[in-house]
Amino acid sequence: MQSDIVIVGGGAGGLELACKLGRKLGPDKVTLVDSRLYHVWKPSLHEVAAGTLDIHQEGLSYQMLAHDRGFSFVYGAMTALDAAARRITIAPVTAAGDGEEVLPERTLGYRSLVIAVGSTSNYFGVPGAREYTISLNATEDAERFRLRLLRLLAQAEQQKEDGAGGSGLDIVIIGGGATGVELAAELREASGVYAAYGFRRLQVKRDVRITLLEGAPRILAPLPERVSAAAARLLDQRAIRVVTDCRVNGIGPKQVSDNKGNVYPADLCVWAAGIRAPEFLGSLGLPVAKGGQIEVDAHLRVQGVPDVYALGDCAACTDGNGKPVPPRAQAAHQQADYLLKTFLRLDKGEQAQKDPYVYRDYGSLVSIGRETTVGSLMGSLRGASLFVEGFMARIMYMSLHLMHHKAVLGPLRTGLMAFARFLIRRTTPLVKLH
C-alpha cells in the first residue's frame, strides 16, 4: 500500500488534518491510520465514565468519515518505521473474544508522514498506580470505569438492604487538573439521580464519597488563581473533598497513601496526575525528549528525519516564539491547520511555509457538571484574560465540542448532530445503566 500523506492517529489533531486534507486532495493522496474503529472527543471521556454520555451516540466511525470527507482509512496500530524506505508497519488486528486474526500485519508507504498518536498516563513510578487505578486515555478505559462503578453501587445498595455496616462507596481521583476536576463534578451530578434507577437506599452525599487529591497547592494549577478558587468552591458545594499539597506514594487495591502518612479508602481509583507520550515512539529511531515525545522543530518537522512530522501531545515542540507548546487540544487543532497549509503548498509543488508555527492561547474552560463551567478567555493583549463562570461559560464549553465536530463533519452535519444530541439528552435518562 502507498499514500502521499499518511497520518497516524485519529485524535483531535490527526482526524481534523485528515478530514481537511481529504476534502482538498482525495482518498488516493490522504490516509489515516488508527488502532480503533471510531473517534470520541477525548475531553468527553469523563462524561462516558460517569455514564452521562453514551459512546454509541457520540462515537464517529473512521470508515464513515473516510467515505464522507475524502480520505482512506487503515485499521491497525503502527508498530515500526523505516524512514529510509519511507514505510511504516501496521500490526495485525485480532478479534477481542478469541484472538482470531482479522487483518494481517501490513506495510504502508508514504511521501509524507504525520505522527499524531496523542498521549498516555505518566505514573511517575508510584507503586501500584498502574495496577490499581484507571486512567481515562481511551473509550475502553471510560467504559471500564463506568461498569465497575455500577457494580460497586449495586454492592453498596445490597449492603444497605442487608443492614451491613460500612456500606457506601469511596472514589478517589488522583490529579486536580481539568480531567480530575471534571470527572469529580460529573460523578457527583450523575450520582444524584442513581436513586431513580434502583439505588433507592443510597444517600448520595453520604454514601458515594468522592475525594480529589492534588500535589500542587491548588487544583487547576496552570490556570489563573481565580478559576482555581471558583472550581474549588463549586466542588465543595457538591460535597467533593479536595486535598491539595498531597503527594501520593502508594496505591493498593482498597486504599491510597501519601507522603504525610495519610490513608484514603478507595473502592475505585482514577489516575489523572500526568501524561507522557506512548512508549512505542522510543523504538522508531526518532529523536525523543525526556517525556517520550518526538522532538520537532518550529515547523513541526521531526529533527533529522526528512518528510516526517509530529503534532499534538506526542510532539515536543517549541514554537516560533521559542516557547514550549503545551499538550492541549487547542494546540493540536492549531498544529493541524498549520500542517494543512504546508501540505497543500507541497501538493502544488510550492515551497513549504517559511513562517514557523506559533501557539496562541485562547484560554481554558473547565466543566463542573452539566450546568456550570468556569474558565478564562485570553484577550488580544498579552497577558490579559477574562474570567468566565456560569451559564455563558457552559455555552462556550459546549461550543468547543461543536467546533471540533465542524472541523471533521462540516457545518451542516454538525448542526444536525448538535440538535439530535439535544433531543437525546432531553428525552433519555441522564445516566446510562446498561
Protein backbone atom coordinates (compact mmCIF):
# COMPACT_ATOMS: atom_id res chain seq x y z
CA MET A 1 0.00 0.00 0.00
CA GLN A 2 1.12 3.54 -0.74
CA SER A 3 -0.20 7.02 0.04
CA ASP A 4 1.17 10.51 -0.45
CA ILE A 5 0.30 11.67 3.07
CA VAL A 6 -0.09 9.17 5.92
CA ILE A 7 -1.47 10.41 9.25
CA VAL A 8 -1.07 8.04 12.20
CA GLY A 9 -3.57 8.75 14.99
CA GLY A 10 -7.19 9.82 14.72
CA GLY A 11 -7.39 12.09 17.75
CA ALA A 12 -8.34 15.76 17.72
CA GLY A 13 -5.42 16.94 15.59
CA GLY A 14 -4.86 13.91 13.37
CA LEU A 15 -8.52 13.46 12.45
CA GLU A 16 -9.05 17.15 11.73
CA LEU A 17 -6.00 17.16 9.46
CA ALA A 18 -7.18 14.02 7.62
CA CYS A 19 -10.67 15.45 7.08
CA LYS A 20 -9.47 18.83 5.85
CA LEU A 21 -6.79 17.37 3.59
CA GLY A 22 -9.18 14.70 2.29
CA ARG A 23 -11.67 17.32 1.14
CA LYS A 24 -8.91 19.04 -0.85
CA LEU A 25 -6.77 16.14 -2.13
CA GLY A 26 -8.94 12.98 -2.05
CA PRO A 27 -8.53 9.39 -0.80
CA ASP A 28 -5.72 8.50 -3.19
CA LYS A 29 -3.44 11.03 -1.50
CA VAL A 30 -4.54 11.05 2.14
CA THR A 31 -4.64 8.06 4.51
CA LEU A 32 -5.49 7.92 8.22
CA VAL A 33 -4.20 5.03 10.36
CA ASP A 34 -5.72 4.26 13.76
CA SER A 35 -5.89 1.28 16.11
CA ARG A 36 -9.61 1.88 16.77
CA LEU A 37 -12.65 1.99 14.54
CA TYR A 38 -14.29 5.13 15.88
CA HIS A 39 -13.41 8.51 17.34
CA VAL A 40 -14.65 10.09 20.56
CA TRP A 41 -13.52 13.59 21.52
CA LYS A 42 -11.12 12.95 24.42
CA PRO A 43 -12.40 15.79 26.65
CA SER A 44 -15.76 13.93 26.70
CA LEU A 45 -14.35 10.78 28.32
CA HIS A 46 -15.20 11.94 31.84
CA GLU A 47 -18.87 12.02 30.75
CA VAL A 48 -18.60 8.48 29.36
CA ALA A 49 -17.02 7.32 32.64
CA ALA A 50 -19.81 8.88 34.70
CA GLY A 51 -22.46 7.34 32.46
CA THR A 52 -23.89 10.68 31.30
CA LEU A 53 -22.71 10.21 27.70
CA ASP A 54 -23.22 7.10 25.58
CA ILE A 55 -20.22 6.40 23.35
CA HIS A 56 -22.53 4.71 20.85
CA GLN A 57 -24.34 8.01 20.41
CA GLU A 58 -21.19 10.12 20.45
CA GLY A 59 -18.64 7.99 18.56
CA LEU A 60 -17.77 8.83 14.96
CA SER A 61 -16.83 5.94 12.68
CA TYR A 62 -13.49 6.47 10.94
CA GLN A 63 -14.73 4.47 7.96
CA MET A 64 -17.82 6.68 7.68
CA LEU A 65 -15.70 9.82 7.97
CA ALA A 66 -13.26 8.49 5.36
CA HIS A 67 -16.13 7.99 2.91
CA ASP A 68 -17.72 11.36 3.62
CA ARG A 69 -14.58 13.52 3.95
CA GLY A 70 -12.48 12.03 1.15
CA PHE A 71 -9.60 10.15 2.80
CA SER A 72 -8.64 6.48 3.12
CA PHE A 73 -8.70 4.65 6.45
CA VAL A 74 -6.39 1.81 7.52
CA TYR A 75 -7.34 -0.08 10.69
CA GLY A 76 -4.45 -1.09 12.93
CA ALA A 77 -1.68 0.19 15.19
CA MET A 78 1.62 1.49 13.86
CA THR A 79 4.50 -0.59 15.27
CA ALA A 80 7.59 0.30 13.24
CA LEU A 81 9.07 2.92 10.93
CA ASP A 82 11.60 2.52 8.11
CA ALA A 83 12.42 6.16 7.45
CA ALA A 84 14.95 5.35 4.70
CA ALA A 85 12.36 3.34 2.74
CA ARG A 86 9.53 5.75 3.73
CA ARG A 87 7.41 2.92 5.06
CA ILE A 88 5.56 2.11 8.31
CA THR A 89 4.49 -1.27 9.67
CA ILE A 90 0.93 -1.79 10.89
CA ALA A 91 0.23 -4.53 13.45
CA PRO A 92 -2.23 -7.38 12.87
CA VAL A 93 -5.77 -6.85 14.12
CA THR A 94 -7.23 -9.67 16.22
CA ALA A 95 -10.76 -10.34 17.46
CA ALA A 96 -11.34 -9.34 21.08
CA GLY A 97 -13.01 -12.60 22.08
CA ASP A 98 -10.96 -15.48 20.69
CA GLY A 99 -7.88 -13.70 19.36
CA GLU A 100 -8.57 -14.76 15.79
CA GLU A 101 -6.61 -12.69 13.29
CA VAL A 102 -8.91 -10.33 11.40
CA LEU A 103 -6.26 -8.41 9.47
CA PRO A 104 -2.61 -9.43 8.92
CA GLU A 105 0.46 -7.32 9.51
CA ARG A 106 0.82 -4.79 6.69
CA THR A 107 3.19 -2.09 5.44
CA LEU A 108 2.20 1.32 4.15
CA GLY A 109 4.45 3.59 2.11
CA TYR A 110 4.32 7.36 2.32
CA ARG A 111 5.67 10.53 0.79
CA SER A 112 4.99 12.50 3.98
CA LEU A 113 4.24 11.03 7.40
CA VAL A 114 2.46 12.74 10.30
CA ILE A 115 2.55 11.09 13.74
CA ALA A 116 -0.35 12.23 15.93
CA VAL A 117 -0.81 9.40 18.44
CA GLY A 118 -1.58 11.55 21.47
CA SER A 119 -0.51 10.65 24.99
CA THR A 120 -0.91 8.08 27.71
CA SER A 121 -0.62 8.15 31.51
CA ASN A 122 2.58 9.03 33.32
CA TYR A 123 2.60 7.15 36.63
CA PHE A 124 5.89 8.71 37.83
CA GLY A 125 6.94 5.37 39.34
CA VAL A 126 4.26 5.43 42.06
CA PRO A 127 3.88 1.85 43.39
CA GLY A 128 0.52 0.33 42.48
CA ALA A 129 -0.56 3.18 40.19
CA ARG A 130 -0.54 1.10 37.03
CA GLU A 131 -2.15 -1.94 38.67
CA TYR A 132 -4.87 -0.38 40.82
CA THR A 133 -6.03 2.74 39.01
CA ILE A 134 -7.99 3.50 35.86
CA SER A 135 -6.77 6.24 33.52
CA LEU A 136 -9.16 7.89 31.09
CA ASN A 137 -6.98 7.67 27.99
CA ALA A 138 -9.49 5.98 25.69
CA THR A 139 -13.14 4.97 25.43
CA GLU A 140 -12.47 1.47 26.73
CA ASP A 141 -10.96 2.97 29.91
CA ALA A 142 -14.04 5.14 30.45
CA GLU A 143 -16.36 2.18 29.84
CA ARG A 144 -14.37 0.01 32.26
CA PHE A 145 -14.71 2.68 34.93
CA ARG A 146 -18.46 3.06 34.32
CA LEU A 147 -19.19 -0.67 34.53
CA ARG A 148 -17.10 -1.09 37.67
CA LEU A 149 -18.85 1.92 39.23
CA LEU A 150 -22.25 0.34 38.59
CA ARG A 151 -21.16 -2.97 40.12
CA LEU A 152 -19.88 -1.22 43.23
CA LEU A 153 -23.09 0.81 43.53
CA ALA A 154 -25.11 -2.41 43.30
CA GLN A 155 -22.98 -3.96 46.06
CA ALA A 156 -23.41 -0.89 48.26
CA GLU A 157 -27.16 -0.99 47.69
CA GLN A 158 -27.26 -4.67 48.67
CA GLN A 159 -25.24 -3.98 51.84
CA LYS A 160 -27.78 -1.34 52.77
CA GLU A 161 -30.60 -3.79 52.26
CA ASP A 162 -28.82 -6.42 54.35
CA GLY A 163 -28.11 -3.91 57.12
CA ALA A 164 -24.37 -4.42 56.84
CA GLY A 165 -22.09 -1.81 58.37
CA GLY A 166 -19.55 0.21 56.42
CA SER A 167 -21.74 0.46 53.36
CA GLY A 168 -21.15 3.02 50.69
CA LEU A 169 -18.56 3.70 48.05
CA ASP A 170 -15.26 5.61 48.14
CA ILE A 171 -13.99 7.10 44.88
CA VAL A 172 -10.52 8.67 44.80
CA ILE A 173 -9.34 10.77 41.86
CA ILE A 174 -5.60 11.47 41.77
CA GLY A 175 -4.82 14.68 39.91
CA GLY A 176 -6.57 18.02 40.17
CA GLY A 177 -6.19 19.11 36.56
CA ALA A 178 -9.08 19.53 34.14
CA THR A 179 -9.70 15.78 33.78
CA GLY A 180 -9.82 15.11 37.52
CA VAL A 181 -11.98 18.13 38.32
CA GLU A 182 -14.45 17.46 35.51
CA LEU A 183 -14.75 13.77 36.40
CA ALA A 184 -15.39 14.54 40.08
CA ALA A 185 -18.16 17.01 39.23
CA GLU A 186 -19.73 14.75 36.62
CA LEU A 187 -19.75 11.79 39.01
CA ARG A 188 -21.48 13.81 41.72
CA GLU A 189 -24.07 15.05 39.25
CA ALA A 190 -24.69 11.54 37.92
CA SER A 191 -24.87 10.03 41.39
CA GLY A 192 -27.64 12.48 42.24
CA VAL A 193 -30.10 10.54 40.05
CA TYR A 194 -28.99 6.99 40.81
CA ALA A 195 -31.92 6.61 43.20
CA ALA A 196 -34.28 6.90 40.26
CA TYR A 197 -32.69 3.81 38.72
CA GLY A 198 -32.97 1.35 41.58
CA PHE A 199 -30.34 2.52 44.07
CA ARG A 200 -33.00 3.87 46.41
CA ARG A 201 -31.28 3.16 49.71
CA LEU A 202 -28.15 5.16 48.94
CA GLN A 203 -27.91 8.68 50.31
CA VAL A 204 -25.71 10.17 47.66
CA LYS A 205 -23.55 12.71 49.52
CA ARG A 206 -23.06 10.37 52.47
CA ASP A 207 -22.74 7.01 50.73
CA VAL A 208 -20.94 7.98 47.48
CA ARG A 209 -17.82 9.70 48.79
CA ILE A 210 -15.60 11.45 46.25
CA THR A 211 -12.08 12.64 47.11
CA LEU A 212 -9.83 14.62 44.76
CA LEU A 213 -6.08 14.56 45.54
CA GLU A 214 -3.72 17.17 44.05
CA GLY A 215 0.02 17.52 44.58
CA ALA A 216 0.13 21.27 43.90
CA PRO A 217 -1.03 23.93 46.40
CA ARG A 218 -4.29 24.33 44.41
CA ILE A 219 -6.34 22.48 41.82
CA LEU A 220 -6.14 23.59 38.17
CA ALA A 221 -2.66 24.92 38.94
CA PRO A 222 -1.81 26.03 35.34
CA LEU A 223 -4.91 28.25 35.20
CA PRO A 224 -5.42 31.65 36.87
CA GLU A 225 -5.94 31.51 40.63
CA ARG A 226 -9.46 32.92 40.33
CA VAL A 227 -10.50 30.00 38.11
CA SER A 228 -8.98 27.53 40.57
CA ALA A 229 -10.76 29.15 43.52
CA ALA A 230 -14.11 29.12 41.72
CA ALA A 231 -13.73 25.45 40.81
CA ALA A 232 -12.80 24.55 44.41
CA ARG A 233 -15.88 26.39 45.68
CA LEU A 234 -18.17 24.59 43.24
CA LEU A 235 -16.70 21.20 44.15
CA ASP A 236 -17.19 21.95 47.84
CA GLN A 237 -20.83 22.79 47.19
CA ARG A 238 -21.17 19.33 45.65
CA ALA A 239 -19.70 17.63 48.75
CA ILE A 240 -16.49 16.67 46.96
CA ARG A 241 -13.48 16.56 49.26
CA VAL A 242 -10.41 18.31 47.79
CA VAL A 243 -6.95 17.67 49.30
CA THR A 244 -4.07 19.77 47.96
CA ASP A 245 -0.31 19.52 48.66
CA CYS A 246 -0.88 15.78 48.61
CA ARG A 247 1.93 13.62 47.20
CA VAL A 248 0.67 10.09 46.58
CA ASN A 249 3.36 7.50 47.30
CA GLY A 250 1.47 4.21 47.16
CA ILE A 251 -1.76 2.69 45.85
CA GLY A 252 -3.30 -0.61 46.84
CA PRO A 253 -6.47 -2.49 45.90
CA LYS A 254 -8.54 -0.61 48.50
CA GLN A 255 -6.57 2.46 49.55
CA VAL A 256 -4.28 5.34 48.56
CA SER A 257 -1.48 6.65 50.81
CA ASP A 258 0.51 9.88 50.69
CA ASN A 259 3.92 11.03 51.91
CA LYS A 260 2.42 12.53 55.09
CA GLY A 261 1.14 9.17 56.28
CA ASN A 262 -2.50 9.79 55.36
CA VAL A 263 -4.54 6.89 54.03
CA TYR A 264 -7.61 7.35 51.82
CA PRO A 265 -10.08 4.46 51.36
CA ALA A 266 -10.57 3.77 47.66
CA ASP A 267 -13.00 1.26 46.18
CA LEU A 268 -12.47 2.91 42.81
CA CYS A 269 -9.40 4.97 41.90
CA VAL A 270 -8.70 7.14 38.84
CA TRP A 271 -5.24 8.32 37.82
CA ALA A 272 -5.33 11.78 36.23
CA ALA A 273 -2.00 13.11 37.50
CA GLY A 274 0.10 13.36 34.35
CA ILE A 275 0.71 12.30 30.77
CA ARG A 276 3.59 11.09 28.63
CA ALA A 277 3.98 10.01 25.03
CA PRO A 278 3.24 6.35 24.11
CA GLU A 279 6.27 4.17 24.80
CA PHE A 280 6.48 2.67 21.30
CA LEU A 281 7.65 6.03 19.93
CA GLY A 282 11.03 5.39 21.54
CA SER A 283 11.53 2.34 19.30
CA LEU A 284 11.04 4.14 15.97
CA GLY A 285 14.54 5.59 15.70
CA LEU A 286 13.28 9.17 16.03
CA PRO A 287 14.68 11.77 18.45
CA VAL A 288 12.60 11.85 21.62
CA ALA A 289 12.51 14.15 24.64
CA LYS A 290 12.59 13.15 28.30
CA GLY A 291 8.83 12.58 28.39
CA GLY A 292 8.97 10.34 25.30
CA GLN A 293 7.61 12.99 22.91
CA ILE A 294 9.07 13.24 19.42
CA GLU A 295 11.32 16.26 19.05
CA VAL A 296 10.17 18.57 16.26
CA ASP A 297 11.26 22.00 15.07
CA ALA A 298 9.09 25.10 14.83
CA HIS A 299 7.69 23.83 11.51
CA LEU A 300 6.59 20.56 13.20
CA ARG A 301 9.23 18.57 11.27
CA VAL A 302 10.96 15.73 13.10
CA GLN A 303 14.55 16.77 13.56
CA GLY A 304 16.92 14.97 11.21
CA VAL A 305 14.28 12.80 9.51
CA PRO A 306 13.05 14.06 6.11
CA ASP A 307 9.29 14.37 5.48
CA VAL A 308 8.25 13.11 8.91
CA TYR A 309 6.15 15.42 11.10
CA ALA A 310 4.51 15.16 14.52
CA LEU A 311 1.72 17.12 16.19
CA GLY A 312 -0.33 17.17 19.38
CA ASP A 313 0.55 15.60 22.72
CA CYS A 314 3.18 13.27 21.23
CA ALA A 315 5.27 16.17 19.87
CA ALA A 316 7.84 18.12 21.88
CA CYS A 317 7.51 21.43 20.10
CA THR A 318 8.99 24.87 20.67
CA ASP A 319 7.11 27.38 18.56
CA GLY A 320 8.35 30.33 16.55
CA ASN A 321 8.47 32.48 19.69
CA GLY A 322 10.76 29.99 21.43
CA LYS A 323 8.10 28.83 23.88
CA PRO A 324 7.22 25.19 24.62
CA VAL A 325 3.79 24.28 23.25
CA PRO A 326 1.55 22.76 25.97
CA PRO A 327 -0.17 19.39 25.38
CA ARG A 328 -3.68 20.78 24.89
CA ALA A 329 -6.47 20.16 22.39
CA GLN A 330 -6.33 23.72 21.09
CA ALA A 331 -2.63 23.26 20.29
CA ALA A 332 -3.35 20.09 18.29
CA HIS A 333 -6.12 21.93 16.43
CA GLN A 334 -3.80 24.83 15.55
CA GLN A 335 -1.00 22.48 14.50
CA ALA A 336 -3.37 20.57 12.22
CA ASP A 337 -4.30 23.82 10.49
CA TYR A 338 -0.62 24.74 10.17
CA LEU A 339 0.25 21.40 8.53
CA LEU A 340 -2.81 21.66 6.30
CA LYS A 341 -1.30 24.77 4.70
CA THR A 342 2.10 23.09 4.47
CA PHE A 343 0.83 20.02 2.64
CA LEU A 344 -1.43 21.98 0.28
CA ARG A 345 1.58 24.07 -0.74
CA LEU A 346 3.73 20.97 -1.24
CA ASP A 347 0.99 19.32 -3.32
CA LYS A 348 1.10 22.30 -5.69
CA GLY A 349 4.86 22.00 -6.00
CA GLU A 350 5.46 25.11 -3.91
CA GLN A 351 7.90 25.61 -1.05
CA ALA A 352 6.75 24.75 2.47
CA GLN A 353 5.75 27.59 4.76
CA LYS A 354 8.58 29.88 5.76
CA ASP A 355 6.82 31.19 8.85
CA PRO A 356 7.09 28.88 11.87
CA TYR A 357 4.12 27.61 13.85
CA VAL A 358 3.18 29.95 16.72
CA TYR A 359 0.93 28.73 19.52
CA ARG A 360 -1.92 31.03 20.54
CA ASP A 361 -3.54 30.51 23.92
CA TYR A 362 -7.24 31.29 23.72
CA GLY A 363 -7.89 30.41 27.35
CA SER A 364 -9.27 27.41 29.21
CA LEU A 365 -12.71 26.23 30.26
CA VAL A 366 -13.44 23.52 32.84
CA SER A 367 -16.85 21.85 33.15
CA ILE A 368 -18.22 21.50 36.69
CA GLY A 369 -21.22 19.32 35.86
CA ARG A 370 -23.95 19.94 33.34
CA GLU A 371 -24.97 23.41 34.38
CA THR A 372 -21.72 25.14 35.39
CA THR A 373 -18.40 25.91 33.76
CA VAL A 374 -15.51 28.11 34.85
CA GLY A 375 -12.51 29.37 32.94
CA SER A 376 -10.50 32.19 31.48
CA LEU A 377 -10.56 33.64 27.99
CA MET A 378 -7.35 35.21 26.73
CA GLY A 379 -7.62 38.72 25.36
CA SER A 380 -5.79 40.22 22.41
CA LEU A 381 -3.39 42.00 24.76
CA ARG A 382 -0.54 39.91 26.04
CA GLY A 383 -1.28 38.53 29.48
CA ALA A 384 -4.86 39.83 29.54
CA SER A 385 -7.59 37.37 30.44
CA LEU A 386 -11.28 37.42 31.22
CA PHE A 387 -12.76 35.25 33.99
CA VAL A 388 -15.97 33.48 32.96
CA GLU A 389 -18.36 31.37 35.02
CA GLY A 390 -21.89 30.02 34.88
CA PHE A 391 -24.31 29.56 32.00
CA MET A 392 -22.43 31.58 29.38
CA ALA A 393 -19.19 29.78 30.20
CA ARG A 394 -21.09 26.49 29.82
CA ILE A 395 -22.29 27.54 26.36
CA MET A 396 -18.70 28.38 25.40
CA TYR A 397 -17.52 25.00 26.67
CA MET A 398 -20.13 23.20 24.58
CA SER A 399 -19.13 25.26 21.54
CA LEU A 400 -15.58 23.83 21.72
CA HIS A 401 -17.01 20.37 21.08
CA LEU A 402 -19.12 21.68 18.21
CA MET A 403 -16.09 23.40 16.68
CA HIS A 404 -14.28 20.06 16.63
CA HIS A 405 -17.28 18.38 15.02
CA LYS A 406 -17.45 21.16 12.44
CA ALA A 407 -13.81 20.52 11.53
CA VAL A 408 -14.42 16.82 10.91
CA LEU A 409 -18.07 16.74 9.79
CA GLY A 410 -18.69 20.10 8.18
CA PRO A 411 -21.19 22.75 9.30
CA LEU A 412 -24.44 21.10 8.14
CA ARG A 413 -23.90 17.72 9.77
CA THR A 414 -22.54 19.38 12.90
CA GLY A 415 -25.76 21.36 13.27
CA LEU A 416 -27.89 18.26 12.77
CA MET A 417 -25.79 16.27 15.24
CA ALA A 418 -25.98 19.03 17.86
CA PHE A 419 -29.77 19.15 17.53
CA ALA A 420 -30.04 15.36 17.75
CA ARG A 421 -27.82 15.31 20.83
CA PHE A 422 -30.01 17.98 22.44
CA LEU A 423 -33.13 15.90 21.78
CA ILE A 424 -31.49 12.73 23.09
CA ARG A 425 -30.44 14.42 26.33
CA ARG A 426 -33.89 15.92 26.78
CA THR A 427 -35.78 12.68 26.21
CA THR A 428 -33.49 9.93 27.59
CA PRO A 429 -32.21 9.16 31.11
CA LEU A 430 -29.29 11.21 32.41
CA VAL A 431 -27.31 8.15 33.45
CA LYS A 432 -26.60 5.13 31.29
CA LEU A 433 -27.07 1.99 33.41
CA HIS A 434 -26.62 -0.82 30.90
